[in-house]
Amino acid sequence: MKIDSHQHFWRYNEAQYPWIPKNSPLQCDWLPEDWRAAACRVGVQGSVAVQARQTIEESRWLLQLAEQHSSIKGVVGWVDLRSDKLEQQLKELAQHPKFVGVRHVVQDEPDGHFMLREDFQRGIALLKKYQLAYDILIFPKQLPAALELVKTFPEQLFALDHIAKPFIKDGVLSPWREQICTLAESRNVYCKVSGMVTEARHGAWKKEQFRPYLETVFAAFGEDRLMFGSDWPVCLLSASYNQVLEIVEDFLKKFDQKTREKVMGQNAARFYGIKS
């Protein structure tokens, strides 16, 4: 089964989603039937739905969608990792078999060491108890903090979202490349091959621009810790679902079938504990 390890749903509301660009294709509802229309026709059968709002209601809503749609194989939701009520929230959400992970929008935090704060790390320390992964959403400038985080919690599973959003538009590799290689030395970290098209020049990119970045993460993480993700519908700012899929699948042509199957679904299933 091909699994999209990273996509989003929402019922559009400007106040609830202030990060969505104005006059963009994202300013409407994007729901499971829309994802299936884009993904199933290119052979992707399941997905992991990832939070797009930082509210506990968002997590509950995504789990409701997951109950209604078998194509949603897992939910990476949001909880307040710094809250005194965190364990209560985790107990509630973890009862649902499709609640597989947690994410915080660290990229928007002004404190470059946000992930190293005592209150945040106290929350991270609770996730393994509930068998939950943590998705790291950062910009390259926050990679040094991510390096410290993953070493502090060697038993916790982490997924790096969007290969840490390197400066693809400008063709910049360093120091992102070197820091990615160091991060990958921690075997508890996986990497989502996702979000690249939105870091390129929207609508004016070429496939070869992504090759140095793909080569870097493949060399660093290897075939067992990489997961395809579309970042749909956010990817629509720069590319269609099919175009995003083609970038990864074209790169994978030089690998054997076993490797392709791992990156396109098996690794995500193992990482998030997806049963079917």
Protein backbone atom coordinates (compact mmCIF):
# COMPACT_ATOMS: atom_id res chain seq x y z
CA MET A 1 0.00 0.00 0.00
CA LYS A 2 1.21 3.48 -0.87
CA ILE A 3 0.80 5.80 2.12
CA ASP A 4 1.04 9.58 2.06
CA SER A 5 2.75 10.31 5.37
CA HIS A 6 1.81 13.98 5.49
CA GLN A 7 -1.32 15.84 4.38
CA HIS A 8 -3.93 18.16 5.87
CA PHE A 9 -7.68 18.78 6.07
CA TRP A 10 -9.64 21.87 7.00
CA ARG A 11 -12.93 23.69 6.70
CA TYR A 12 -11.66 27.10 5.75
CA ASN A 13 -12.13 29.95 8.18
CA GLU A 14 -9.83 32.97 7.98
CA ALA A 15 -9.72 33.45 11.75
CA GLN A 16 -8.89 29.79 12.38
CA TYR A 17 -6.24 29.55 9.66
CA PRO A 18 -4.43 32.91 9.59
CA TRP A 19 -1.33 31.29 8.01
CA ILE A 20 -3.17 30.48 4.78
CA PRO A 21 -2.16 32.98 2.05
CA LYS A 22 -4.85 35.29 0.75
CA ASN A 23 -6.02 34.81 -2.84
CA SER A 24 -4.59 31.30 -2.87
CA PRO A 25 -6.16 27.92 -3.75
CA LEU A 26 -6.00 27.04 -0.06
CA GLN A 27 -8.84 29.42 0.82
CA CYS A 28 -11.59 26.81 0.66
CA ASP A 29 -12.56 23.53 2.33
CA TRP A 30 -10.20 20.60 1.75
CA LEU A 31 -11.68 17.33 2.99
CA PRO A 32 -11.14 13.56 2.65
CA GLU A 33 -13.14 13.22 -0.54
CA ASP A 34 -10.93 15.90 -2.12
CA TRP A 35 -7.76 14.07 -1.06
CA ARG A 36 -9.07 10.78 -2.48
CA ALA A 37 -9.87 12.45 -5.80
CA ALA A 38 -6.26 13.60 -6.09
CA ALA A 39 -4.41 10.67 -4.52
CA CYS A 40 -6.28 7.50 -5.37
CA ARG A 41 -6.10 8.07 -9.10
CA VAL A 42 -2.29 8.01 -8.84
CA GLY A 43 -2.23 4.89 -6.69
CA VAL A 44 -1.94 6.31 -3.16
CA GLN A 45 -4.46 4.50 -0.97
CA GLY A 46 -3.93 5.87 2.53
CA SER A 47 -2.65 8.90 4.40
CA VAL A 48 -1.60 10.38 7.71
CA ALA A 49 -3.60 13.53 8.45
CA VAL A 50 -1.51 16.18 10.22
CA GLN A 51 -2.76 19.08 12.32
CA ALA A 52 -3.15 22.51 10.72
CA ARG A 53 -4.42 24.37 13.82
CA GLN A 54 -2.95 24.40 17.32
CA THR A 55 -6.09 23.46 19.23
CA ILE A 56 -7.21 20.28 20.97
CA GLU A 57 -10.45 20.59 18.99
CA GLU A 58 -8.42 20.13 15.82
CA SER A 59 -7.14 16.77 17.07
CA ARG A 60 -10.63 15.61 17.96
CA TRP A 61 -12.00 16.73 14.58
CA LEU A 62 -9.30 14.87 12.66
CA LEU A 63 -10.04 11.72 14.66
CA GLN A 64 -13.73 12.07 13.80
CA LEU A 65 -12.77 12.24 10.12
CA ALA A 66 -10.56 9.18 10.57
CA GLU A 67 -13.50 7.24 12.00
CA GLN A 68 -15.56 8.11 8.93
CA HIS A 69 -12.89 7.55 6.25
CA SER A 70 -10.81 4.38 6.06
CA SER A 71 -8.27 6.15 3.82
CA ILE A 72 -7.07 8.10 6.89
CA LYS A 73 -4.67 5.62 8.46
CA GLY A 74 -3.36 7.87 11.21
CA VAL A 75 -3.67 11.31 12.78
CA VAL A 76 -0.82 13.53 13.98
CA GLY A 77 -2.65 16.00 16.16
CA TRP A 78 -1.87 18.84 18.52
CA VAL A 79 -1.77 18.96 22.29
CA ASP A 80 -0.24 21.61 24.49
CA LEU A 81 3.00 19.91 25.43
CA ARG A 82 3.65 22.61 28.03
CA SER A 83 0.31 22.25 29.80
CA ASP A 84 -0.24 20.87 33.29
CA LYS A 85 -3.21 19.05 31.73
CA LEU A 86 -1.10 17.31 29.08
CA GLU A 87 -1.39 13.80 30.45
CA GLN A 88 -5.16 14.15 30.67
CA GLN A 89 -5.25 15.19 27.00
CA LEU A 90 -2.95 12.36 25.94
CA LYS A 91 -5.01 9.78 27.82
CA GLU A 92 -8.13 10.95 26.00
CA LEU A 93 -6.66 11.07 22.51
CA ALA A 94 -4.47 7.96 22.73
CA GLN A 95 -7.56 5.83 23.32
CA HIS A 96 -8.23 6.25 19.62
CA PRO A 97 -6.26 3.66 17.61
CA LYS A 98 -5.58 6.15 14.80
CA PHE A 99 -4.02 8.80 17.04
CA VAL A 100 -0.36 8.16 16.18
CA GLY A 101 1.56 11.35 16.89
CA VAL A 102 1.80 14.96 17.97
CA ARG A 103 3.11 18.11 16.31
CA HIS A 104 3.76 21.70 17.35
CA VAL A 105 4.38 24.49 14.82
CA VAL A 106 7.87 25.18 16.14
CA GLN A 107 8.86 26.99 12.93
CA ASP A 108 6.71 29.95 14.05
CA GLU A 109 8.17 30.17 17.56
CA PRO A 110 10.42 33.25 17.90
CA ASP A 111 12.64 31.46 20.41
CA GLY A 112 15.21 29.48 18.40
CA HIS A 113 15.68 27.19 21.42
CA PHE A 114 11.96 26.60 21.99
CA MET A 115 12.37 22.81 21.75
CA LEU A 116 14.97 22.91 24.51
CA ARG A 117 12.71 24.62 27.03
CA GLU A 118 12.09 22.63 30.19
CA ASP A 119 8.30 22.77 29.91
CA PHE A 120 8.34 21.61 26.28
CA GLN A 121 10.73 18.76 26.98
CA ARG A 122 8.63 17.68 29.94
CA GLY A 123 5.85 17.15 27.42
CA ILE A 124 8.05 15.28 24.95
CA ALA A 125 9.06 12.94 27.79
CA LEU A 126 5.44 11.78 28.14
CA LEU A 127 4.88 10.76 24.51
CA LYS A 128 6.64 7.39 24.60
CA LYS A 129 4.38 6.28 27.45
CA TYR A 130 1.45 6.59 25.04
CA GLN A 131 3.39 5.18 22.05
CA LEU A 132 3.17 8.47 20.16
CA ALA A 133 5.64 9.86 17.63
CA TYR A 134 6.58 13.53 17.43
CA ASP A 135 6.73 15.46 14.15
CA ILE A 136 9.45 18.15 14.04
CA LEU A 137 8.31 21.17 11.99
CA ILE A 138 11.18 23.64 11.74
CA PHE A 139 13.19 25.92 9.51
CA PRO A 140 16.90 25.26 8.92
CA LYS A 141 17.88 27.82 11.57
CA GLN A 142 16.24 25.57 14.18
CA LEU A 143 18.17 22.44 13.22
CA PRO A 144 20.78 22.92 15.99
CA ALA A 145 18.00 22.76 18.60
CA ALA A 146 16.53 19.70 16.88
CA LEU A 147 19.92 17.99 17.11
CA GLU A 148 19.92 18.49 20.87
CA LEU A 149 16.29 17.41 21.24
CA VAL A 150 16.65 14.05 19.53
CA LYS A 151 19.80 13.23 21.48
CA THR A 152 18.08 14.08 24.76
CA PHE A 153 15.29 11.57 24.00
CA PRO A 154 16.97 8.61 22.24
CA GLU A 155 13.99 6.31 22.85
CA GLN A 156 11.44 8.73 21.38
CA LEU A 157 10.53 8.44 17.70
CA PHE A 158 10.79 11.69 15.73
CA ALA A 159 9.81 12.53 12.14
CA LEU A 160 11.46 15.53 10.49
CA ASP A 161 8.79 17.27 8.42
CA HIS A 162 9.55 18.67 4.95
CA ILE A 163 13.29 17.85 5.18
CA ALA A 164 13.52 20.94 7.46
CA LYS A 165 12.51 23.34 4.68
CA PRO A 166 15.88 24.10 3.05
CA PHE A 167 16.31 27.13 0.76
CA ILE A 168 15.55 25.29 -2.47
CA LYS A 169 14.51 28.46 -4.28
CA ASP A 170 18.02 29.85 -3.84
CA GLY A 171 19.82 26.53 -4.31
CA VAL A 172 21.46 26.80 -0.86
CA LEU A 173 22.72 23.53 0.66
CA SER A 174 25.03 24.44 3.53
CA PRO A 175 24.83 24.33 6.51
CA TRP A 176 21.50 22.48 6.06
CA ARG A 177 23.23 19.51 4.37
CA GLU A 178 25.80 19.01 7.11
CA GLN A 179 23.21 19.39 9.89
CA ILE A 180 20.86 16.92 8.21
CA CYS A 181 23.66 14.35 8.10
CA THR A 182 24.34 14.89 11.79
CA LEU A 183 20.64 14.64 12.65
CA ALA A 184 20.36 11.35 10.76
CA GLU A 185 23.03 9.83 12.98
CA SER A 186 20.30 9.57 15.62
CA ARG A 187 18.51 6.37 14.62
CA ASN A 188 15.28 7.45 16.33
CA VAL A 189 14.76 10.12 13.64
CA TYR A 190 12.94 9.53 10.35
CA CYS A 191 12.53 12.09 7.57
CA LYS A 192 9.50 12.99 5.47
CA VAL A 193 10.30 13.63 1.81
CA SER A 194 7.64 16.31 1.64
CA GLY A 195 7.07 20.04 1.38
CA MET A 196 9.81 20.64 -1.16
CA VAL A 197 7.75 22.33 -3.87
CA THR A 198 6.61 25.12 -1.57
CA GLU A 199 10.25 25.92 -0.76
CA ALA A 200 11.01 26.23 -4.49
CA ARG A 201 9.89 29.06 -6.77
CA HIS A 202 6.14 28.55 -6.96
CA GLY A 203 5.07 27.26 -10.34
CA ALA A 204 8.52 27.86 -11.86
CA TRP A 205 10.61 25.00 -10.47
CA LYS A 206 12.29 22.17 -12.35
CA LYS A 207 12.70 18.62 -11.10
CA GLU A 208 16.48 18.76 -11.19
CA GLN A 209 16.43 21.52 -8.54
CA PHE A 210 15.29 18.97 -5.97
CA ARG A 211 17.94 16.37 -6.77
CA PRO A 212 20.73 17.68 -4.46
CA TYR A 213 18.28 17.78 -1.55
CA LEU A 214 16.91 14.32 -2.30
CA GLU A 215 20.43 12.93 -2.63
CA THR A 216 21.31 14.43 0.74
CA VAL A 217 18.42 12.91 2.68
CA PHE A 218 18.75 9.53 0.95
CA ALA A 219 22.45 9.38 1.77
CA ALA A 220 21.81 10.49 5.35
CA PHE A 221 18.71 8.54 6.37
CA GLY A 222 18.85 5.58 4.01
CA GLU A 223 15.98 3.55 2.60
CA ASP A 224 14.55 2.52 5.99
CA ARG A 225 13.90 5.98 7.49
CA LEU A 226 12.43 8.00 4.64
CA MET A 227 8.70 8.53 4.03
CA PHE A 228 6.93 10.07 1.06
CA GLY A 229 4.57 12.91 1.97
CA SER A 230 2.59 15.20 -0.31
CA ASP A 231 1.87 18.10 2.06
CA TRP A 232 -1.44 18.34 0.18
CA PRO A 233 -3.27 20.70 -0.12
CA VAL A 234 -0.48 23.13 0.84
CA CYS A 235 1.51 21.79 -2.12
CA LEU A 236 -1.12 23.30 -4.44
CA LEU A 237 0.58 26.66 -3.93
CA SER A 238 3.27 25.33 -6.25
CA ALA A 239 2.34 21.93 -7.71
CA SER A 240 -0.40 19.36 -8.15
CA TYR A 241 -0.55 16.17 -6.11
CA ASN A 242 0.60 14.19 -9.13
CA GLN A 243 3.58 16.49 -9.71
CA VAL A 244 4.71 16.13 -6.10
CA LEU A 245 4.44 12.35 -6.37
CA GLU A 246 6.37 12.31 -9.65
CA ILE A 247 9.33 14.21 -8.14
CA VAL A 248 9.88 11.45 -5.59
CA GLU A 249 8.97 8.51 -7.82
CA ASP A 250 11.27 9.71 -10.61
CA PHE A 251 14.15 9.94 -8.15
CA LEU A 252 13.34 6.44 -6.85
CA LYS A 253 13.61 4.86 -10.31
CA LYS A 254 17.31 4.20 -9.76
CA PHE A 255 16.50 2.10 -6.68
CA ASP A 256 15.08 -1.42 -6.55
CA GLN A 257 11.41 -2.23 -6.00
CA LYS A 258 11.96 -3.09 -2.34
CA THR A 259 13.41 0.35 -1.63
CA ARG A 260 10.61 2.09 -3.52
CA GLU A 261 7.98 0.24 -1.50
CA LYS A 262 9.64 1.21 1.76
CA VAL A 263 9.76 4.94 0.96
CA MET A 264 6.29 5.01 -0.58
CA GLY A 265 4.47 3.38 2.31
CA GLN A 266 6.12 0.67 4.36
CA ASN A 267 8.30 3.02 6.39
CA ALA A 268 5.35 5.25 7.28
CA ALA A 269 3.31 2.23 8.34
CA ARG A 270 6.13 1.01 10.59
CA PHE A 271 6.94 4.44 12.01
CA TYR A 272 3.38 5.33 12.93
CA GLY A 273 2.25 1.79 13.79
CA ILE A 274 -0.35 1.67 11.02
CA LYS A 275 -2.00 -1.73 10.94
CA SER A 276 -3.96 -1.61 7.68
